[in-house]
Amino acid sequence: QVQLVESGGGLVQAGGSLSLSCAASGRTIRSYAMGWFRQAPGKEREFVAAIEWSGGRSYYADSVKGRFTISRDNARNTVYLQMNSLKPEDTAVYYCATPQRAYSVVRITSAGGYEYWGQGTQVTVSS
């Protein structure tokens, strides 16, 4: 059974930084794309960032491009999201996700491309 556990969320002032981690168990992430999504109160879950299974290509939402960086450490079975220059509008619960199929890059910028999700970690950015 695949389990994803996010950590690293918290309260930070605007302009600050946070680093989120997502530890996977039940499978090695080496062969799987990984993604980060977020959901603010009253809003739909939205794509934030994704990284292909090879680590060779990453994707970002326009709203976070240049501020957030996704990375993966296959040896630690963990994916990270470094968030810099945070803004109040980044406030949300952040989720990591992974698809069921190995080597898939189909729809990895869409929630529909993922079958396994973590429980989320709250990020709050104060103005």
Protein backbone atom coordinates (compact mmCIF):
# COMPACT_ATOMS: atom_id res chain seq x y z
CA GLN A 1 0.00 0.00 0.00
CA VAL A 2 1.40 3.35 -1.06
CA GLN A 3 1.53 5.99 1.64
CA LEU A 4 2.66 9.59 1.31
CA VAL A 5 3.35 11.76 4.35
CA GLU A 6 3.91 15.49 3.98
CA SER A 7 5.74 17.61 6.52
CA GLY A 8 7.32 21.02 6.84
CA GLY A 9 4.28 23.24 6.75
CA GLY A 10 3.74 26.09 9.16
CA LEU A 11 3.25 29.81 9.61
CA VAL A 12 5.61 32.21 7.87
CA GLN A 13 5.61 35.91 7.07
CA ALA A 14 5.28 37.13 3.52
CA GLY A 15 8.63 37.03 1.78
CA GLY A 16 9.79 34.09 3.85
CA SER A 17 10.60 30.52 2.90
CA LEU A 18 9.45 27.02 3.76
CA SER A 19 10.61 23.61 2.66
CA LEU A 20 8.04 20.83 2.39
CA SER A 21 8.91 17.14 2.34
CA CYS A 22 6.90 14.16 1.19
CA ALA A 23 8.11 10.77 2.37
CA ALA A 24 6.81 7.74 0.49
CA SER A 25 6.40 4.20 1.72
CA GLY A 26 5.01 1.07 0.13
CA ARG A 27 6.94 1.67 -3.10
CA THR A 28 10.18 3.20 -4.26
CA ILE A 29 9.52 6.50 -5.99
CA ARG A 30 12.38 6.04 -8.44
CA SER A 31 10.08 5.01 -11.30
CA TYR A 32 7.22 7.40 -10.61
CA ALA A 33 6.40 11.01 -11.26
CA MET A 34 5.68 13.08 -8.16
CA GLY A 35 3.50 16.14 -7.84
CA TRP A 36 2.53 18.88 -5.40
CA PHE A 37 -0.93 20.40 -5.28
CA ARG A 38 -2.61 22.83 -2.94
CA GLN A 39 -6.10 23.70 -1.84
CA ALA A 40 -7.14 26.94 -0.22
CA PRO A 41 -10.42 27.26 1.72
CA GLY A 42 -13.38 27.45 -0.63
CA LYS A 43 -11.24 26.79 -3.70
CA GLU A 44 -10.53 23.86 -5.97
CA ARG A 45 -7.37 21.83 -5.56
CA GLU A 46 -4.78 23.27 -7.92
CA PHE A 47 -1.54 22.10 -9.44
CA VAL A 48 1.67 23.55 -8.00
CA ALA A 49 4.63 21.52 -9.32
CA ALA A 50 5.56 18.12 -10.70
CA ILE A 51 8.72 16.23 -11.51
CA GLU A 52 9.04 13.38 -13.98
CA TRP A 53 10.19 9.96 -12.82
CA SER A 54 13.61 10.54 -14.38
CA GLY A 55 13.98 13.86 -12.62
CA GLY A 56 14.93 15.33 -15.96
CA ARG A 57 11.99 17.69 -16.31
CA SER A 58 9.92 19.70 -13.88
CA TYR A 59 6.69 21.60 -14.31
CA TYR A 60 5.32 24.58 -12.39
CA ALA A 61 2.14 26.56 -12.15
CA ASP A 62 2.61 30.08 -13.46
CA SER A 63 1.76 31.47 -10.03
CA VAL A 64 4.80 29.80 -8.41
CA LYS A 65 7.30 29.74 -11.26
CA GLY A 66 10.61 31.26 -10.21
CA ARG A 67 9.73 31.02 -6.50
CA PHE A 68 9.16 27.28 -5.89
CA THR A 69 11.45 24.38 -6.72
CA ILE A 70 10.52 20.70 -6.75
CA SER A 71 13.21 18.09 -6.29
CA ARG A 72 13.48 14.41 -5.50
CA ASP A 73 15.86 12.20 -3.57
CA ASN A 74 15.23 8.65 -4.70
CA ALA A 75 17.66 7.25 -2.14
CA ARG A 76 15.55 8.79 0.64
CA ASN A 77 12.29 8.01 -1.17
CA THR A 78 11.34 11.63 -0.65
CA VAL A 79 10.25 14.56 -2.78
CA TYR A 80 10.67 18.17 -1.72
CA LEU A 81 9.11 21.53 -2.45
CA GLN A 82 11.28 24.54 -1.66
CA MET A 83 9.10 27.63 -1.43
CA ASN A 84 10.71 31.07 -1.46
CA SER A 85 9.31 34.60 -1.56
CA LEU A 86 6.06 33.35 -0.13
CA LYS A 87 2.92 35.42 -0.55
CA PRO A 88 -0.35 35.42 1.43
CA GLU A 89 -2.06 33.88 -1.60
CA ASP A 90 0.18 30.81 -1.20
CA THR A 91 -1.77 29.96 1.96
CA ALA A 92 -3.31 26.50 1.51
CA VAL A 93 -3.08 22.87 2.45
CA TYR A 94 -0.31 21.34 0.34
CA TYR A 95 -0.58 17.76 -0.87
CA CYS A 96 1.90 15.50 -2.58
CA ALA A 97 0.77 12.84 -4.99
CA THR A 98 2.04 10.02 -7.17
CA PRO A 99 0.46 8.12 -10.07
CA GLN A 100 -0.35 4.45 -10.13
CA ARG A 101 1.60 3.73 -13.31
CA ALA A 102 5.36 3.68 -13.38
CA TYR A 103 7.15 5.87 -15.94
CA SER A 104 3.92 7.76 -16.64
CA VAL A 105 4.12 11.42 -17.57
CA VAL A 106 0.48 11.59 -18.65
CA ARG A 107 -1.46 14.45 -17.05
CA ILE A 108 1.13 15.01 -14.33
CA THR A 109 0.10 18.66 -14.16
CA SER A 110 -3.48 17.62 -13.40
CA ALA A 111 -4.96 16.09 -10.26
CA GLY A 112 -6.55 13.47 -12.48
CA GLY A 113 -3.12 12.09 -13.28
CA TYR A 114 -2.56 10.88 -9.71
CA GLU A 115 -4.06 8.02 -7.72
CA TYR A 116 -2.19 8.28 -4.42
CA TRP A 117 -2.31 11.33 -2.17
CA GLY A 118 -0.91 12.37 1.16
CA GLN A 119 -2.95 13.85 3.97
CA GLY A 120 -1.63 17.36 3.40
CA THR A 121 0.30 19.94 5.39
CA GLN A 122 -0.93 23.45 6.17
CA VAL A 123 1.04 26.44 4.92
CA THR A 124 -0.04 29.85 6.19
CA VAL A 125 1.60 33.05 4.95
CA SER A 126 0.84 36.19 6.91
CA SER A 127 0.96 39.64 5.39
